[in-house]
N, C-alpha and C. Protein backbone atom coordinates (compact mmCIF):
# COMPACT_ATOMS: atom_id res chain seq x y z
N MET A 1 -27.40 0.22 -23.49
CA MET A 1 -26.36 0.91 -22.56
C MET A 1 -25.83 -0.01 -21.50
N HIS A 2 -24.65 -0.28 -21.49
CA HIS A 2 -24.35 -0.61 -20.05
C HIS A 2 -24.47 -0.41 -18.48
N ARG A 3 -24.56 -1.23 -17.66
CA ARG A 3 -24.93 -0.56 -16.08
C ARG A 3 -23.76 -1.46 -15.63
N TRP A 4 -23.03 -0.38 -15.17
CA TRP A 4 -21.65 -0.43 -14.35
C TRP A 4 -22.26 -1.12 -12.96
N PRO A 5 -21.31 -1.81 -12.36
CA PRO A 5 -21.36 -2.32 -11.11
C PRO A 5 -21.33 -1.36 -10.01
N GLY A 6 -22.15 -1.30 -8.98
CA GLY A 6 -22.25 -0.46 -7.92
C GLY A 6 -20.86 -0.65 -7.13
N LEU A 7 -20.82 0.58 -6.03
CA LEU A 7 -19.89 0.09 -4.96
C LEU A 7 -20.07 -0.62 -4.24
N PHE A 8 -18.90 -1.65 -3.67
CA PHE A 8 -18.90 -2.78 -2.65
C PHE A 8 -19.72 -3.85 -3.24
N SER A 9 -20.12 -3.91 -4.19
CA SER A 9 -20.70 -5.29 -5.27
C SER A 9 -19.56 -6.03 -5.44
N ILE A 10 -19.78 -7.28 -5.30
CA ILE A 10 -18.63 -8.55 -6.02
C ILE A 10 -19.07 -8.92 -7.24
N VAL A 11 -17.76 -8.77 -7.83
CA VAL A 11 -17.72 -8.86 -9.31
C VAL A 11 -17.00 -9.90 -9.66
N THR A 12 -17.06 -10.82 -10.78
CA THR A 12 -16.07 -11.81 -11.20
C THR A 12 -15.45 -11.19 -12.20
N ILE A 13 -14.28 -11.56 -12.60
CA ILE A 13 -13.39 -10.52 -13.33
C ILE A 13 -13.37 -11.78 -14.58
N GLU A 14 -13.71 -10.87 -15.88
CA GLU A 14 -13.82 -11.96 -17.20
C GLU A 14 -12.23 -11.38 -17.70
N ASP A 15 -12.04 -12.44 -19.06
CA ASP A 15 -11.03 -12.40 -19.76
C ASP A 15 -10.73 -11.22 -20.40
N CYS A 16 -9.61 -10.29 -19.85
CA CYS A 16 -9.05 -9.52 -20.43
C CYS A 16 -7.44 -9.09 -20.43
N GLU A 17 -6.97 -8.42 -21.37
CA GLU A 17 -5.45 -8.25 -21.16
C GLU A 17 -5.01 -8.05 -19.64
N PRO A 18 -5.15 -6.98 -18.96
CA PRO A 18 -5.36 -6.54 -18.03
C PRO A 18 -5.15 -7.55 -16.95
N ALA A 19 -6.33 -8.42 -16.70
CA ALA A 19 -6.77 -9.43 -15.79
C ALA A 19 -5.63 -10.42 -16.30
N GLN A 20 -5.40 -10.81 -17.28
CA GLN A 20 -4.23 -11.79 -17.67
C GLN A 20 -3.15 -11.49 -16.95
N GLU A 21 -2.56 -10.42 -17.25
CA GLU A 21 -1.15 -9.75 -16.82
C GLU A 21 -1.35 -10.37 -15.37
N LEU A 22 -2.48 -9.69 -14.89
CA LEU A 22 -2.33 -10.18 -12.82
C LEU A 22 -2.49 -11.18 -12.80
N LYS A 23 -2.92 -12.29 -13.63
CA LYS A 23 -3.19 -13.34 -13.42
C LYS A 23 -4.87 -13.57 -12.45
N LEU A 24 -5.51 -12.86 -13.12
CA LEU A 24 -6.98 -12.61 -12.16
C LEU A 24 -8.29 -13.18 -12.58
N VAL A 25 -8.09 -13.54 -14.23
CA VAL A 25 -9.07 -13.96 -14.97
C VAL A 25 -10.08 -15.08 -13.81
N GLY A 26 -11.35 -14.98 -13.87
CA GLY A 26 -12.06 -15.81 -12.92
C GLY A 26 -12.14 -15.44 -11.68
N SER A 27 -11.17 -14.74 -11.24
CA SER A 27 -11.58 -14.14 -10.01
C SER A 27 -12.68 -13.13 -9.45
N GLU A 28 -12.81 -13.07 -8.05
CA GLU A 28 -13.72 -11.91 -7.78
C GLU A 28 -13.10 -11.00 -6.93
N GLY A 29 -13.70 -9.71 -7.06
CA GLY A 29 -13.16 -8.66 -6.30
C GLY A 29 -14.32 -7.54 -5.92
N ILE A 30 -14.31 -6.74 -4.81
CA ILE A 30 -15.22 -6.05 -4.33
C ILE A 30 -14.94 -4.54 -5.31
N VAL A 31 -16.16 -3.75 -5.69
CA VAL A 31 -15.69 -2.41 -6.32
C VAL A 31 -15.68 -1.55 -5.38
N LEU A 32 -14.36 -0.93 -5.16
CA LEU A 32 -13.89 0.30 -4.62
C LEU A 32 -14.51 1.55 -5.20
N GLY A 33 -14.59 1.66 -6.42
CA GLY A 33 -14.70 2.72 -6.85
C GLY A 33 -14.61 2.75 -8.66
N LEU A 34 -15.18 4.18 -9.08
CA LEU A 34 -14.93 3.96 -10.89
C LEU A 34 -14.63 5.13 -11.28
N THR A 35 -13.87 5.33 -12.32
CA THR A 35 -13.41 6.28 -12.69
C THR A 35 -13.59 6.10 -14.43
N GLN A 36 -13.62 7.23 -15.22
CA GLN A 36 -13.75 7.31 -16.86
C GLN A 36 -12.48 7.85 -17.07
N ASP A 37 -11.89 7.41 -17.91
CA ASP A 37 -10.68 7.67 -18.81
C ASP A 37 -10.96 8.72 -19.73
N ASP A 38 -10.29 9.84 -19.37
CA ASP A 38 -10.37 11.11 -20.53
C ASP A 38 -10.51 11.31 -21.78
N VAL A 39 -9.65 10.29 -22.38
CA VAL A 39 -9.22 10.07 -23.58
C VAL A 39 -9.89 9.22 -24.39
N THR A 40 -10.39 8.11 -23.84
CA THR A 40 -11.03 6.96 -24.43
C THR A 40 -12.30 6.66 -24.25
N GLY A 41 -12.86 7.41 -22.69
CA GLY A 41 -14.05 7.37 -22.32
C GLY A 41 -14.36 6.02 -21.42
N GLU A 42 -13.19 5.10 -21.75
CA GLU A 42 -13.52 4.02 -21.11
C GLU A 42 -13.73 3.81 -19.38
N THR A 43 -14.73 3.17 -18.89
CA THR A 43 -15.15 3.30 -17.52
C THR A 43 -13.88 1.95 -16.85
N TRP A 44 -13.15 2.18 -15.83
CA TRP A 44 -12.33 1.72 -14.86
C TRP A 44 -12.89 1.27 -13.68
N CYS A 45 -12.71 0.19 -13.16
CA CYS A 45 -12.90 0.05 -11.53
C CYS A 45 -12.01 -0.39 -10.84
N ALA A 46 -12.04 0.34 -9.66
CA ALA A 46 -10.66 -0.10 -8.19
C ALA A 46 -11.91 -1.24 -7.65
N LEU A 47 -10.81 -2.41 -7.68
CA LEU A 47 -11.40 -3.45 -7.36
C LEU A 47 -10.23 -3.84 -6.04
N LYS A 48 -10.76 -4.35 -5.06
CA LYS A 48 -10.06 -5.44 -3.92
C LYS A 48 -10.18 -6.69 -4.41
N VAL A 49 -9.00 -7.26 -4.56
CA VAL A 49 -9.26 -8.54 -4.70
C VAL A 49 -8.21 -9.35 -4.00
N GLY A 50 -8.66 -10.35 -3.19
CA GLY A 50 -8.05 -11.16 -2.26
C GLY A 50 -7.03 -10.21 -1.39
N ASP A 51 -5.94 -10.66 -1.34
CA ASP A 51 -4.79 -10.27 -0.35
C ASP A 51 -4.02 -8.75 -1.07
N LEU A 52 -4.33 -9.01 -2.52
CA LEU A 52 -3.53 -7.78 -3.40
C LEU A 52 -3.76 -6.28 -3.22
N ALA A 53 -3.15 -5.41 -3.29
CA ALA A 53 -3.31 -3.89 -3.14
C ALA A 53 -4.73 -3.78 -3.99
N VAL A 54 -5.13 -2.76 -4.10
CA VAL A 54 -6.26 -2.37 -5.16
C VAL A 54 -5.87 -2.30 -6.33
N VAL A 55 -6.51 -2.98 -7.11
CA VAL A 55 -6.17 -2.90 -8.62
C VAL A 55 -7.32 -2.44 -9.62
N MET A 56 -6.71 -1.71 -11.02
CA MET A 56 -7.72 -1.00 -11.83
C MET A 56 -8.06 -1.90 -12.84
N LEU A 57 -9.35 -2.16 -13.10
CA LEU A 57 -9.63 -3.53 -14.33
C LEU A 57 -10.76 -2.53 -15.46
N PRO A 58 -10.83 -2.65 -16.60
CA PRO A 58 -11.93 -2.11 -17.41
C PRO A 58 -13.46 -2.89 -17.13
N ALA A 59 -14.21 -1.89 -16.43
CA ALA A 59 -15.58 -2.01 -16.08
C ALA A 59 -16.55 -3.01 -17.19
N MET A 60 -16.36 -2.82 -18.00
CA MET A 60 -16.91 -3.75 -19.40
C MET A 60 -16.41 -5.15 -19.36
N HIS A 61 -15.38 -5.37 -18.27
CA HIS A 61 -15.01 -6.69 -18.37
C HIS A 61 -15.20 -7.54 -16.65
N LEU A 62 -16.02 -6.97 -16.06
CA LEU A 62 -16.67 -7.49 -14.77
C LEU A 62 -17.99 -7.75 -14.98
N THR A 63 -17.97 -9.07 -14.29
CA THR A 63 -19.68 -9.20 -14.10
C THR A 63 -20.17 -9.47 -12.74
N PRO A 64 -21.36 -8.39 -12.72
CA PRO A 64 -21.75 -8.57 -11.25
C PRO A 64 -22.30 -9.97 -11.00
N THR A 65 -22.15 -10.48 -9.35
CA THR A 65 -22.40 -11.59 -8.90
C THR A 65 -23.58 -11.54 -8.27
N GLY A 66 -24.38 -10.28 -7.93
CA GLY A 66 -25.51 -10.39 -7.41
C GLY A 66 -25.54 -9.74 -6.02
N ARG A 67 -24.02 -10.23 -5.67
CA ARG A 67 -23.59 -10.39 -4.11
C ARG A 67 -22.87 -8.82 -3.77
N SER A 68 -22.84 -8.29 -2.29
CA SER A 68 -22.20 -7.23 -2.35
C SER A 68 -21.77 -7.40 -0.68
N VAL A 69 -20.91 -6.47 -0.33
CA VAL A 69 -20.59 -6.03 1.10
C VAL A 69 -20.92 -5.38 1.68
N VAL A 70 -21.11 -4.85 2.93
CA VAL A 70 -21.47 -3.58 3.79
C VAL A 70 -20.08 -2.55 3.30
N ARG A 71 -20.34 -1.51 3.37
CA ARG A 71 -19.30 -0.28 3.75
C ARG A 71 -17.82 -0.82 4.77
N HIS A 72 -18.60 -0.72 5.87
CA HIS A 72 -17.57 -1.06 7.01
C HIS A 72 -17.04 -2.31 7.33
N GLU A 73 -17.17 -3.27 6.22
CA GLU A 73 -16.35 -4.45 6.13
C GLU A 73 -15.11 -4.20 5.60
N ILE A 74 -15.13 -2.87 4.55
CA ILE A 74 -13.72 -3.21 4.28
C ILE A 74 -12.96 -1.58 4.16
N TYR A 75 -13.97 -0.53 4.53
CA TYR A 75 -13.64 0.69 4.65
C TYR A 75 -13.82 1.41 6.23
N GLN A 76 -12.69 1.74 6.74
CA GLN A 76 -12.62 2.40 8.02
C GLN A 76 -12.40 3.77 8.35
N GLY A 77 -12.58 4.33 7.12
CA GLY A 77 -12.43 5.86 7.32
C GLY A 77 -11.57 6.56 6.29
N ASP A 78 -10.42 5.56 5.84
CA ASP A 78 -8.89 6.07 5.43
C ASP A 78 -9.57 6.66 4.12
N SER A 79 -8.65 7.70 3.32
CA SER A 79 -8.97 8.32 2.61
C SER A 79 -7.72 8.53 1.67
N ILE A 80 -7.53 8.62 0.50
CA ILE A 80 -6.30 9.12 -0.34
C ILE A 80 -6.92 10.18 -1.43
N ARG A 81 -5.88 10.90 -2.04
CA ARG A 81 -6.80 11.87 -2.84
C ARG A 81 -5.19 11.78 -3.81
N VAL A 82 -5.92 11.29 -5.32
CA VAL A 82 -4.80 11.17 -6.51
C VAL A 82 -5.38 12.37 -7.33
N SER A 83 -4.07 12.87 -8.35
CA SER A 83 -4.34 13.44 -9.11
C SER A 83 -4.48 13.11 -10.64
N ARG A 84 -4.94 13.39 -11.45
CA ARG A 84 -5.67 12.94 -12.70
C ARG A 84 -4.41 12.24 -13.62
N ASP A 85 -3.07 12.33 -13.08
CA ASP A 85 -1.54 12.14 -13.22
C ASP A 85 -1.31 10.99 -12.44
N GLY A 86 -2.04 10.58 -11.26
CA GLY A 86 -1.22 9.49 -10.81
C GLY A 86 -0.90 9.98 -9.11
N ILE A 87 -0.82 11.53 -9.24
CA ILE A 87 0.27 11.83 -7.91
C ILE A 87 -0.73 11.73 -6.90
N VAL A 88 -0.16 11.31 -5.83
CA VAL A 88 -0.61 11.39 -4.57
C VAL A 88 -0.67 12.51 -3.96
N LEU A 89 -2.08 13.36 -3.54
CA LEU A 89 -1.85 14.64 -3.13
C LEU A 89 -2.26 14.77 -1.77
N SER A 90 -2.64 13.71 -1.00
CA SER A 90 -2.79 13.33 0.32
C SER A 90 -3.36 12.18 0.78
N VAL A 91 -3.10 11.58 2.18
CA VAL A 91 -3.24 10.46 2.69
C VAL A 91 -3.94 10.98 3.93
N ASP A 92 -5.16 10.29 4.01
CA ASP A 92 -5.58 10.47 5.54
C ASP A 92 -5.94 9.25 6.26
N VAL A 93 -5.34 9.05 7.38
CA VAL A 93 -5.59 7.65 8.11
C VAL A 93 -6.76 7.91 9.43
N ALA A 94 -7.73 6.94 9.12
CA ALA A 94 -8.55 7.33 10.68
C ALA A 94 -8.32 7.05 11.50
N ASP A 95 -9.08 7.63 12.74
CA ASP A 95 -8.59 7.12 14.11
C ASP A 95 -8.90 5.50 14.68
N ASP A 96 -8.50 4.93 15.31
CA ASP A 96 -8.98 3.90 15.50
C ASP A 96 -10.03 3.91 16.71
N VAL A 97 -10.80 4.66 16.67
CA VAL A 97 -11.94 4.71 17.47
C VAL A 97 -12.55 3.72 17.91
N GLU A 98 -12.95 2.69 17.11
CA GLU A 98 -13.92 1.66 17.31
C GLU A 98 -13.04 0.51 17.66
N GLY A 99 -11.67 0.37 17.50
CA GLY A 99 -10.95 -0.67 17.70
C GLY A 99 -11.01 -1.66 16.18
N LEU A 100 -10.75 -1.22 15.66
CA LEU A 100 -11.04 -2.12 13.93
C LEU A 100 -9.86 -1.89 13.43
N GLY A 101 -9.00 -0.97 13.78
CA GLY A 101 -7.52 -0.93 13.29
C GLY A 101 -6.37 -2.00 13.64
């Protein structure tokens, strides 16, 4: 059984078609979330890679580096809800209470 990377862990992106299309093979990313495809059962990870928006890649093509970041380095309270069909249901932007924004 494959063990998936944990939230906020840093992973190296292996060679796979989606990574090739995005020119991300060999890059590092931070895991922001995991989801399972309802049809195939494949696990996918939402990754923050450099200055790019969040990208989705198959978890089986990610290698944990053993490093991670702390939650507040990348997440300041904003949230988004998305339907299974990819439709944005709501967006909540956190107040800049601590001067982080």
